[in-house]
Amino acid sequence: ESQRVVLLYSTDQGETWEETTVKEPFPGMRFRKVDFLNEDFGYIIISGGRTMSEEGSFVFLTHDSGESWQETTNLGVTRLISNGGFVDESTGFITFETINSGKPELYVTQDAGQTWKQASLQIPEEYNEIFIQAGLPVQEEDHLSLLVNQGPYGDYQGGLVEGKFISEDNGETWEFEMEVEPNE
């Protein structure tokens, strides 16, 4: 029949399993990510219905261990998702693949997906069109950090060096901090 997105979950360490429908119907899924930040709060990020370089993307949140899911406001961006996630119950990010722009596309919500806006990355001129693909931000002490890589065709310093960016306003703006080697 119709395709649907279903999550199997357990609240008793895997002794029993429950099934919940997240979205129905749903066209051919391409990207999917599920994660929980604590016992109650989790997120699902999915994309599907791909045509050429466009697709629909959706973010769902749960506050009851996965029993029910609420869809957030749609970003309105039809580019291909690269990654996404939340750093806390309010602050989340979606990154999109870079095709022609040569600039990273990172969107942020600070109100649990009620609104999304494009984050501002301050890329020094000497790194324009070098650091083009945003990763997923992480919490570091009192700020967020973000690694931006060179994409699949980067060749600056062997193609492996990434740019590290710091945000002190919970992900709205990002300042370049330094070059980093992978796994640094």
Protein backbone atom coordinates (compact mmCIF):
# COMPACT_ATOMS: atom_id res chain seq x y z
CA GLU A 1 0.00 0.00 0.00
CA SER A 2 1.35 3.44 0.80
CA GLN A 3 4.88 3.79 2.09
CA ARG A 4 5.19 4.97 5.66
CA VAL A 5 7.90 5.83 8.15
CA VAL A 6 7.71 3.58 11.20
CA LEU A 7 9.85 3.55 14.32
CA LEU A 8 10.27 0.47 16.49
CA TYR A 9 11.20 1.42 20.04
CA SER A 10 11.69 -0.14 23.44
CA THR A 11 11.42 1.45 26.88
CA ASP A 12 12.48 -1.69 28.79
CA GLN A 13 15.97 -2.30 27.42
CA GLY A 14 14.74 -4.35 24.46
CA GLU A 15 12.56 -6.88 26.28
CA THR A 16 9.47 -5.65 24.40
CA TRP A 17 9.07 -3.49 21.34
CA GLU A 18 6.41 -1.02 20.25
CA GLU A 19 5.73 0.39 16.78
CA THR A 20 4.70 3.94 16.02
CA THR A 21 3.99 5.54 12.65
CA VAL A 22 5.93 8.77 12.20
CA LYS A 23 4.70 9.84 8.75
CA GLU A 24 2.32 8.33 6.26
CA PRO A 25 2.40 8.31 3.27
CA PHE A 26 6.04 9.01 2.55
CA PRO A 27 7.78 8.86 -0.86
CA GLY A 28 11.05 6.94 -1.34
CA MET A 29 13.30 7.76 1.61
CA ARG A 30 16.91 8.87 0.98
CA PHE A 31 18.24 10.34 4.24
CA ARG A 32 17.29 9.16 7.71
CA LYS A 33 18.62 9.86 11.17
CA VAL A 34 17.20 9.02 14.59
CA ASP A 35 18.76 10.05 17.89
CA PHE A 36 17.77 10.61 21.51
CA LEU A 37 19.45 13.19 23.72
CA ASN A 38 17.91 11.79 26.89
CA GLU A 39 15.32 9.23 27.96
CA ASP A 40 12.39 11.33 26.72
CA PHE A 41 13.61 13.68 23.97
CA GLY A 42 14.57 12.49 20.52
CA TYR A 43 14.47 13.54 16.90
CA ILE A 44 14.00 12.02 13.47
CA ILE A 45 15.25 13.74 10.33
CA ILE A 46 14.18 12.24 7.01
CA SER A 47 14.18 13.20 3.36
CA GLY A 48 12.54 11.65 0.34
CA GLY A 49 10.84 12.10 -2.97
CA ARG A 50 14.14 12.95 -4.64
CA THR A 51 14.01 14.41 -8.12
CA MET A 52 17.36 15.43 -9.62
CA SER A 53 18.99 17.53 -6.86
CA GLU A 54 15.83 18.27 -4.90
CA GLU A 55 13.85 16.45 -2.23
CA GLY A 56 11.47 17.05 0.64
CA SER A 57 12.88 17.08 4.16
CA PHE A 58 11.12 16.66 7.49
CA VAL A 59 12.05 16.92 11.16
CA PHE A 60 10.06 15.23 13.93
CA LEU A 61 10.47 15.54 17.71
CA THR A 62 9.35 13.34 20.59
CA HIS A 63 9.10 14.19 24.28
CA ASP A 64 7.67 10.84 25.35
CA SER A 65 10.46 8.34 24.55
CA GLY A 66 9.29 7.84 20.97
CA GLU A 67 5.68 6.97 21.59
CA SER A 68 4.46 9.98 19.58
CA TRP A 69 6.15 12.33 17.14
CA GLN A 70 5.37 15.93 16.18
CA GLU A 71 6.51 17.39 12.88
CA THR A 72 8.35 20.70 13.12
CA THR A 73 7.82 23.61 10.75
CA ASN A 74 9.16 22.76 7.32
CA LEU A 75 12.35 24.61 6.37
CA GLY A 76 11.10 25.25 2.84
CA VAL A 77 14.46 24.19 1.39
CA THR A 78 14.41 21.48 -1.29
CA ARG A 79 18.17 20.86 -1.51
CA LEU A 80 19.59 17.45 -0.56
CA ILE A 81 20.17 17.06 3.19
CA SER A 82 23.74 16.34 4.21
CA ASN A 83 23.23 15.99 7.98
CA GLY A 84 21.21 17.25 10.89
CA GLY A 85 20.68 16.97 14.61
CA PHE A 86 19.93 18.68 17.89
CA VAL A 87 22.38 19.75 20.60
CA ASP A 88 19.60 20.24 23.17
CA GLU A 89 15.79 20.13 23.22
CA SER A 90 15.49 23.55 21.54
CA THR A 91 18.56 23.94 19.33
CA GLY A 92 18.83 21.96 16.13
CA PHE A 93 20.62 22.13 12.80
CA ILE A 94 20.18 20.94 9.23
CA THR A 95 23.00 21.05 6.68
CA PHE A 96 22.49 20.80 2.94
CA GLU A 97 24.82 19.50 0.26
CA THR A 98 26.73 22.13 -1.64
CA ILE A 99 26.28 21.86 -5.37
CA ASN A 100 27.16 25.10 -7.13
CA SER A 101 27.35 27.85 -4.51
CA GLY A 102 30.72 26.96 -2.99
CA LYS A 103 29.35 28.04 0.40
CA PRO A 104 28.10 25.92 3.28
CA GLU A 105 24.37 25.90 3.98
CA LEU A 106 23.51 25.50 7.65
CA TYR A 107 20.05 26.12 9.08
CA VAL A 108 19.33 26.54 12.79
CA THR A 109 16.30 26.43 15.07
CA GLN A 110 16.41 27.70 18.64
CA ASP A 111 12.75 27.04 19.40
CA ALA A 112 12.45 23.29 18.78
CA GLY A 113 11.67 23.66 15.09
CA GLN A 114 8.92 26.27 15.24
CA THR A 115 11.16 28.51 13.11
CA TRP A 116 14.30 27.84 11.08
CA LYS A 117 16.75 30.31 9.61
CA GLN A 118 19.99 30.15 7.72
CA ALA A 119 23.00 30.57 9.97
CA SER A 120 25.69 33.08 9.03
CA LEU A 121 29.18 31.65 8.56
CA GLN A 122 31.94 34.26 8.46
CA ILE A 123 34.42 32.56 6.12
CA PRO A 124 37.72 34.40 5.70
CA GLU A 125 38.34 35.37 2.08
CA GLU A 126 41.34 33.05 1.73
CA TYR A 127 39.03 30.07 2.47
CA ASN A 128 36.19 31.05 0.11
CA GLU A 129 35.17 28.02 -1.96
CA ILE A 130 37.55 25.83 0.09
CA PHE A 131 35.51 25.13 3.21
CA ILE A 132 32.12 24.42 1.66
CA GLN A 133 30.34 21.55 3.46
CA ALA A 134 29.13 22.17 7.03
CA GLY A 135 29.19 19.30 9.47
CA LEU A 136 27.01 19.04 12.55
CA PRO A 137 27.61 21.52 15.41
CA VAL A 138 28.56 20.21 18.85
CA GLN A 139 28.55 21.76 22.31
CA GLU A 140 32.04 22.67 23.61
CA GLU A 141 32.16 24.19 27.09
CA ASP A 142 30.30 27.54 26.79
CA HIS A 143 29.99 27.65 22.98
CA LEU A 144 29.18 25.57 19.91
CA SER A 145 31.80 24.41 17.43
CA LEU A 146 31.39 23.40 13.81
CA LEU A 147 33.72 21.72 11.35
CA VAL A 148 33.36 22.68 7.70
CA ASN A 149 35.05 20.38 5.23
CA GLN A 150 36.10 20.73 1.61
CA GLY A 151 33.42 18.53 0.09
CA PRO A 152 34.16 15.51 -2.08
CA TYR A 153 36.44 17.35 -4.53
CA GLY A 154 38.49 19.53 -2.17
CA ASP A 155 42.25 19.52 -2.65
CA TYR A 156 43.46 22.26 -0.31
CA GLN A 157 46.29 20.79 1.82
CA GLY A 158 45.48 17.33 0.46
CA GLY A 159 41.72 17.78 0.84
CA LEU A 160 41.60 16.66 4.47
CA VAL A 161 41.99 19.93 6.37
CA GLU A 162 38.76 21.35 7.80
CA GLY A 163 37.83 24.78 9.09
CA LYS A 164 36.73 25.04 12.70
CA PHE A 165 34.10 27.68 13.45
CA ILE A 166 32.79 28.87 16.82
CA SER A 167 29.35 30.22 17.73
CA GLU A 168 28.71 32.16 20.91
CA ASP A 169 25.04 32.89 20.09
CA ASN A 170 23.74 29.32 20.00
CA GLY A 171 24.33 28.75 16.29
CA GLU A 172 23.07 31.87 14.56
CA THR A 173 26.51 33.24 13.61
CA TRP A 174 29.84 31.45 13.24
CA GLU A 175 33.35 32.87 13.33
CA PHE A 176 36.38 31.08 11.88
CA GLU A 177 38.77 29.86 14.57
CA MET A 178 41.40 27.71 12.84
CA GLU A 179 42.29 24.98 10.40
CA VAL A 180 42.16 21.48 11.85
CA GLU A 181 43.30 18.05 10.71
CA PRO A 182 40.73 15.25 10.69
CA ASN A 183 40.17 13.66 14.11
CA GLU A 184 41.95 16.59 15.80
